[in-house]
């Protein structure tokens, strides 16, 4: 990976900018955003809205990381996305791709200490739809989150990311 690839978090107080890996971000209370969206339009509609938004962002980021790191493997790009989760405060993400499951079967995504703690509504889509979009781009197929659950005792949000039926 080249030296021109930004590898850090930059906060420019004079400009009021927060940059993660060269991309401008803003700090926000993701759980409050998801809860408010759920209350405005209901959890089902909020999940659809957030799914569309985050899926697109995941695809765009994966495409950008691939352009910036042309020699990187799919796993290396996934590791960059895991790093952005950590830097942005999303949580500590682990992506497990079982042998032979890169293009078939389920990919397990676990997020310890997630910034949102719900397995339905906008919060469900906030983290996992991003991963579905990124993996869809990287693996050239459409994926969706299944079996989403939050374990309060372990403070762990998990999902199986599977190929969309009929794709």
C-alpha atoms as a PDB file:
ATOM      1  CA  UNK A   1       0.000   0.000   0.000  1.00  0.00           C
ATOM      2  CA  UNK A   2       1.377   3.370  -1.016  1.00  0.00           C
ATOM      3  CA  UNK A   3       2.498   6.192   1.225  1.00  0.00           C
ATOM      4  CA  UNK A   4      -0.083   8.536  -0.350  1.00  0.00           C
ATOM      5  CA  UNK A   5      -2.922   6.664   1.403  1.00  0.00           C
ATOM      6  CA  UNK A   6      -4.023   8.574   4.548  1.00  0.00           C
ATOM      7  CA  UNK A   7      -3.657   6.321   7.586  1.00  0.00           C
ATOM      8  CA  UNK A   8      -4.970   8.357  10.481  1.00  0.00           C
ATOM      9  CA  UNK A   9      -7.563  10.503  12.116  1.00  0.00           C
ATOM     10  CA  UNK A  10      -7.045  14.244  11.650  1.00  0.00           C
ATOM     11  CA  UNK A  11      -8.953  16.870  13.596  1.00  0.00           C
ATOM     12  CA  UNK A  12      -8.426  20.372  12.258  1.00  0.00           C
ATOM     13  CA  UNK A  13      -9.829  22.645  14.955  1.00  0.00           C
ATOM     14  CA  UNK A  14      -9.347  25.798  12.853  1.00  0.00           C
ATOM     15  CA  UNK A  15     -11.461  24.372  10.009  1.00  0.00           C
ATOM     16  CA  UNK A  16     -13.820  22.410  12.232  1.00  0.00           C
ATOM     17  CA  UNK A  17     -13.015  19.229  10.321  1.00  0.00           C
ATOM     18  CA  UNK A  18     -12.644  15.602  11.351  1.00  0.00           C
ATOM     19  CA  UNK A  19     -11.002  13.374   8.700  1.00  0.00           C
ATOM     20  CA  UNK A  20     -10.672   9.620   8.856  1.00  0.00           C
ATOM     21  CA  UNK A  21      -8.386   8.130   6.196  1.00  0.00           C
ATOM     22  CA  UNK A  22      -8.665  11.354   4.220  1.00  0.00           C
ATOM     23  CA  UNK A  23     -12.486  11.434   4.180  1.00  0.00           C
ATOM     24  CA  UNK A  24     -14.415  14.112   6.085  1.00  0.00           C
ATOM     25  CA  UNK A  25     -16.671  12.824   8.872  1.00  0.00           C
ATOM     26  CA  UNK A  26     -18.730  14.273  11.660  1.00  0.00           C
ATOM     27  CA  UNK A  27     -19.121  12.989  15.181  1.00  0.00           C
ATOM     28  CA  UNK A  28     -22.727  12.210  16.075  1.00  0.00           C
ATOM     29  CA  UNK A  29     -24.725  10.151  18.525  1.00  0.00           C
ATOM     30  CA  UNK A  30     -25.660   7.262  16.211  1.00  0.00           C
ATOM     31  CA  UNK A  31     -28.010   5.605  18.709  1.00  0.00           C
ATOM     32  CA  UNK A  32     -29.964   8.845  19.191  1.00  0.00           C
ATOM     33  CA  UNK A  33     -30.181   9.331  15.415  1.00  0.00           C
ATOM     34  CA  UNK A  34     -31.493   5.784  14.914  1.00  0.00           C
ATOM     35  CA  UNK A  35     -33.953   6.040  17.831  1.00  0.00           C
ATOM     36  CA  UNK A  36     -35.293   9.353  16.504  1.00  0.00           C
ATOM     37  CA  UNK A  37     -35.669   8.019  12.963  1.00  0.00           C
ATOM     38  CA  UNK A  38     -37.513   4.963  14.349  1.00  0.00           C
ATOM     39  CA  UNK A  39     -39.877   7.273  16.270  1.00  0.00           C
ATOM     40  CA  UNK A  40     -40.533   9.482  13.232  1.00  0.00           C
ATOM     41  CA  UNK A  41     -41.431   6.844  10.649  1.00  0.00           C
ATOM     42  CA  UNK A  42     -41.553   3.551  12.544  1.00  0.00           C
ATOM     43  CA  UNK A  43     -38.799   0.956  12.816  1.00  0.00           C
ATOM     44  CA  UNK A  44     -39.611  -0.819   9.524  1.00  0.00           C
ATOM     45  CA  UNK A  45     -39.481   2.314   7.368  1.00  0.00           C
ATOM     46  CA  UNK A  46     -36.503   3.662   9.339  1.00  0.00           C
ATOM     47  CA  UNK A  47     -34.628   0.411   8.688  1.00  0.00           C
ATOM     48  CA  UNK A  48     -35.327   0.667   4.932  1.00  0.00           C
ATOM     49  CA  UNK A  49     -34.168   4.297   4.820  1.00  0.00           C
ATOM     50  CA  UNK A  50     -30.994   3.542   6.786  1.00  0.00           C
ATOM     51  CA  UNK A  51     -30.370   0.371   4.757  1.00  0.00           C
ATOM     52  CA  UNK A  52     -30.391   2.306   1.486  1.00  0.00           C
ATOM     53  CA  UNK A  53     -28.145   5.036   2.873  1.00  0.00           C
ATOM     54  CA  UNK A  54     -25.568   2.811   4.572  1.00  0.00           C
ATOM     55  CA  UNK A  55     -25.470   0.210   1.784  1.00  0.00           C
ATOM     56  CA  UNK A  56     -24.557   2.973  -0.695  1.00  0.00           C
ATOM     57  CA  UNK A  57     -21.881   4.352   1.647  1.00  0.00           C
ATOM     58  CA  UNK A  58     -20.393   0.888   2.134  1.00  0.00           C
ATOM     59  CA  UNK A  59     -20.161   0.344  -1.627  1.00  0.00           C
ATOM     60  CA  UNK A  60     -18.646   3.797  -2.198  1.00  0.00           C
ATOM     61  CA  UNK A  61     -16.051   3.342   0.545  1.00  0.00           C
ATOM     62  CA  UNK A  62     -15.076  -0.149  -0.650  1.00  0.00           C
ATOM     63  CA  UNK A  63     -14.709   1.172  -4.205  1.00  0.00           C
ATOM     64  CA  UNK A  64     -12.584   4.107  -2.973  1.00  0.00           C
ATOM     65  CA  UNK A  65     -10.351   1.877  -0.848  1.00  0.00           C
ATOM     66  CA  UNK A  66      -9.905  -0.468  -3.802  1.00  0.00           C
ATOM     67  CA  UNK A  67      -8.901   2.460  -6.069  1.00  0.00           C
ATOM     68  CA  UNK A  68      -6.449   3.774  -3.461  1.00  0.00           C
ATOM     69  CA  UNK A  69      -4.972   0.326  -2.830  1.00  0.00           C
ATOM     70  CA  UNK A  70      -4.940  -1.310  -6.257  1.00  0.00           C
ATOM     71  CA  UNK A  71      -2.720  -4.220  -5.191  1.00  0.00           C
ATOM     72  CA  UNK A  72      -4.690  -5.011  -2.024  1.00  0.00           C
ATOM     73  CA  UNK A  73      -6.544  -8.304  -1.647  1.00  0.00           C
ATOM     74  CA  UNK A  74     -10.210  -8.438  -0.668  1.00  0.00           C
ATOM     75  CA  UNK A  75      -9.143  -9.380   2.872  1.00  0.00           C
ATOM     76  CA  UNK A  76      -6.810  -6.369   3.055  1.00  0.00           C
ATOM     77  CA  UNK A  77      -9.650  -4.041   2.015  1.00  0.00           C
ATOM     78  CA  UNK A  78     -11.923  -5.651   4.623  1.00  0.00           C
ATOM     79  CA  UNK A  79      -9.200  -4.980   7.206  1.00  0.00           C
ATOM     80  CA  UNK A  80      -9.087  -1.292   6.148  1.00  0.00           C
ATOM     81  CA  UNK A  81     -12.862  -1.082   6.645  1.00  0.00           C
ATOM     82  CA  UNK A  82     -12.486  -2.736  10.066  1.00  0.00           C
ATOM     83  CA  UNK A  83      -9.918  -0.049  10.888  1.00  0.00           C
ATOM     84  CA  UNK A  84     -12.328   2.718   9.840  1.00  0.00           C
ATOM     85  CA  UNK A  85     -15.003   1.190  12.112  1.00  0.00           C
ATOM     86  CA  UNK A  86     -12.551   1.404  14.985  1.00  0.00           C
ATOM     87  CA  UNK A  87     -11.430   4.974  14.176  1.00  0.00           C
ATOM     88  CA  UNK A  88     -14.969   6.279  13.654  1.00  0.00           C
ATOM     89  CA  UNK A  89     -16.246   4.868  16.940  1.00  0.00           C
ATOM     90  CA  UNK A  90     -18.542   2.247  15.376  1.00  0.00           C
ATOM     91  CA  UNK A  91     -17.034  -0.402  17.643  1.00  0.00           C
ATOM     92  CA  UNK A  92     -14.495  -3.194  17.447  1.00  0.00           C
ATOM     93  CA  UNK A  93     -15.420  -5.196  14.359  1.00  0.00           C
ATOM     94  CA  UNK A  94     -14.447  -8.759  13.523  1.00  0.00           C
ATOM     95  CA  UNK A  95     -15.265 -10.261  10.115  1.00  0.00           C
ATOM     96  CA  UNK A  96     -15.026 -14.032   9.816  1.00  0.00           C
ATOM     97  CA  UNK A  97     -15.138 -15.557   6.369  1.00  0.00           C
ATOM     98  CA  UNK A  98     -15.265 -19.347   6.738  1.00  0.00           C
ATOM     99  CA  UNK A  99     -13.204 -21.438   4.333  1.00  0.00           C
ATOM    100  CA  UNK A 100     -15.038 -21.572   1.000  1.00  0.00           C
ATOM    101  CA  UNK A 101     -17.558 -18.921   2.074  1.00  0.00           C
ATOM    102  CA  UNK A 102     -15.943 -15.942   0.317  1.00  0.00           C
ATOM    103  CA  UNK A 103     -18.545 -16.254  -2.431  1.00  0.00           C
ATOM    104  CA  UNK A 104     -20.877 -18.891  -0.969  1.00  0.00           C
ATOM    105  CA  UNK A 105     -22.298 -19.234   2.511  1.00  0.00           C
ATOM    106  CA  UNK A 106     -22.386 -16.805   5.412  1.00  0.00           C
ATOM    107  CA  UNK A 107     -19.862 -14.222   6.536  1.00  0.00           C
ATOM    108  CA  UNK A 108     -20.017 -13.508  10.268  1.00  0.00           C
ATOM    109  CA  UNK A 109     -19.722  -9.871  11.351  1.00  0.00           C
ATOM    110  CA  UNK A 110     -19.358  -9.225  15.081  1.00  0.00           C
ATOM    111  CA  UNK A 111     -19.130  -5.746  16.573  1.00  0.00           C
ATOM    112  CA  UNK A 112     -17.980  -5.487  20.185  1.00  0.00           C
ATOM    113  CA  UNK A 113     -19.015  -2.308  22.015  1.00  0.00           C
ATOM    114  CA  UNK A 114     -21.179  -1.170  19.057  1.00  0.00           C
ATOM    115  CA  UNK A 115     -22.218   2.470  18.750  1.00  0.00           C
ATOM    116  CA  UNK A 116     -25.831   1.276  18.307  1.00  0.00           C
ATOM    117  CA  UNK A 117     -27.397  -1.486  20.342  1.00  0.00           C
ATOM    118  CA  UNK A 118     -30.488  -2.797  18.581  1.00  0.00           C
ATOM    119  CA  UNK A 119     -31.238  -5.713  16.287  1.00  0.00           C
ATOM    120  CA  UNK A 120     -34.095  -3.986  14.470  1.00  0.00           C
ATOM    121  CA  UNK A 121     -35.049  -0.628  13.010  1.00  0.00           C
ATOM    122  CA  UNK A 122     -32.543   1.988  11.877  1.00  0.00           C
ATOM    123  CA  UNK A 123     -29.877   0.754  14.318  1.00  0.00           C
ATOM    124  CA  UNK A 124     -29.836  -2.710  12.721  1.00  0.00           C
ATOM    125  CA  UNK A 125     -29.166  -1.172   9.318  1.00  0.00           C
ATOM    126  CA  UNK A 126     -26.744   1.499  10.548  1.00  0.00           C
ATOM    127  CA  UNK A 127     -23.817  -0.910  10.915  1.00  0.00           C
ATOM    128  CA  UNK A 128     -24.730  -4.049   8.993  1.00  0.00           C
ATOM    129  CA  UNK A 129     -26.091  -2.447   5.816  1.00  0.00           C
ATOM    130  CA  UNK A 130     -22.773  -0.631   5.459  1.00  0.00           C
ATOM    131  CA  UNK A 131     -21.005  -4.003   5.619  1.00  0.00           C
ATOM    132  CA  UNK A 132     -23.486  -5.519   3.148  1.00  0.00           C
ATOM    133  CA  UNK A 133     -22.738  -2.718   0.699  1.00  0.00           C
ATOM    134  CA  UNK A 134     -18.982  -3.003   1.135  1.00  0.00           C
ATOM    135  CA  UNK A 135     -19.000  -6.782   0.757  1.00  0.00           C
ATOM    136  CA  UNK A 136     -21.353  -6.542  -2.237  1.00  0.00           C
ATOM    137  CA  UNK A 137     -18.834  -4.303  -3.958  1.00  0.00           C
ATOM    138  CA  UNK A 138     -15.788  -6.355  -2.984  1.00  0.00           C
ATOM    139  CA  UNK A 139     -17.318  -9.738  -3.836  1.00  0.00           C
ATOM    140  CA  UNK A 140     -19.376  -8.574  -6.839  1.00  0.00           C
ATOM    141  CA  UNK A 141     -22.678  -9.848  -5.514  1.00  0.00           C
ATOM    142  CA  UNK A 142     -25.553  -8.581  -3.370  1.00  0.00           C
ATOM    143  CA  UNK A 143     -25.544  -9.424   0.339  1.00  0.00           C
ATOM    144  CA  UNK A 144     -27.956  -8.916   3.228  1.00  0.00           C
ATOM    145  CA  UNK A 145     -27.819  -9.230   7.009  1.00  0.00           C
ATOM    146  CA  UNK A 146     -29.581 -12.160   8.659  1.00  0.00           C
ATOM    147  CA  UNK A 147     -29.924 -13.314  12.260  1.00  0.00           C
ATOM    148  CA  UNK A 148     -29.013  -9.909  13.678  1.00  0.00           C
ATOM    149  CA  UNK A 149     -28.786 -10.007  17.456  1.00  0.00           C
ATOM    150  CA  UNK A 150     -27.506  -7.901  20.318  1.00  0.00           C
ATOM    151  CA  UNK A 151     -26.110  -9.594  23.426  1.00  0.00           C
ATOM    152  CA  UNK A 152     -26.308  -7.056  26.239  1.00  0.00           C
ATOM    153  CA  UNK A 153     -24.145  -9.097  28.621  1.00  0.00           C
ATOM    154  CA  UNK A 154     -21.270  -9.282  26.114  1.00  0.00           C
ATOM    155  CA  UNK A 155     -22.098  -5.889  24.529  1.00  0.00           C
ATOM    156  CA  UNK A 156     -21.912  -7.661  21.159  1.00  0.00           C
ATOM    157  CA  UNK A 157     -23.895  -7.051  17.974  1.00  0.00           C
ATOM    158  CA  UNK A 158     -23.732  -9.898  15.442  1.00  0.00           C
ATOM    159  CA  UNK A 159     -25.109 -10.790  12.018  1.00  0.00           C
ATOM    160  CA  UNK A 160     -24.617 -13.343   9.308  1.00  0.00           C
ATOM    161  CA  UNK A 161     -24.029 -11.610   5.980  1.00  0.00           C
ATOM    162  CA  UNK A 162     -25.461 -13.831   3.229  1.00  0.00           C
ATOM    163  CA  UNK A 163     -25.899 -13.687  -0.531  1.00  0.00           C
ATOM    164  CA  UNK A 164     -29.318 -12.243  -1.424  1.00  0.00           C
ATOM    165  CA  UNK A 165     -31.709 -14.882  -2.716  1.00  0.00           C
ATOM    166  CA  UNK A 166     -31.957 -14.951  -6.491  1.00  0.00           C
ATOM    167  CA  UNK A 167     -28.676 -13.050  -7.044  1.00  0.00           C
END
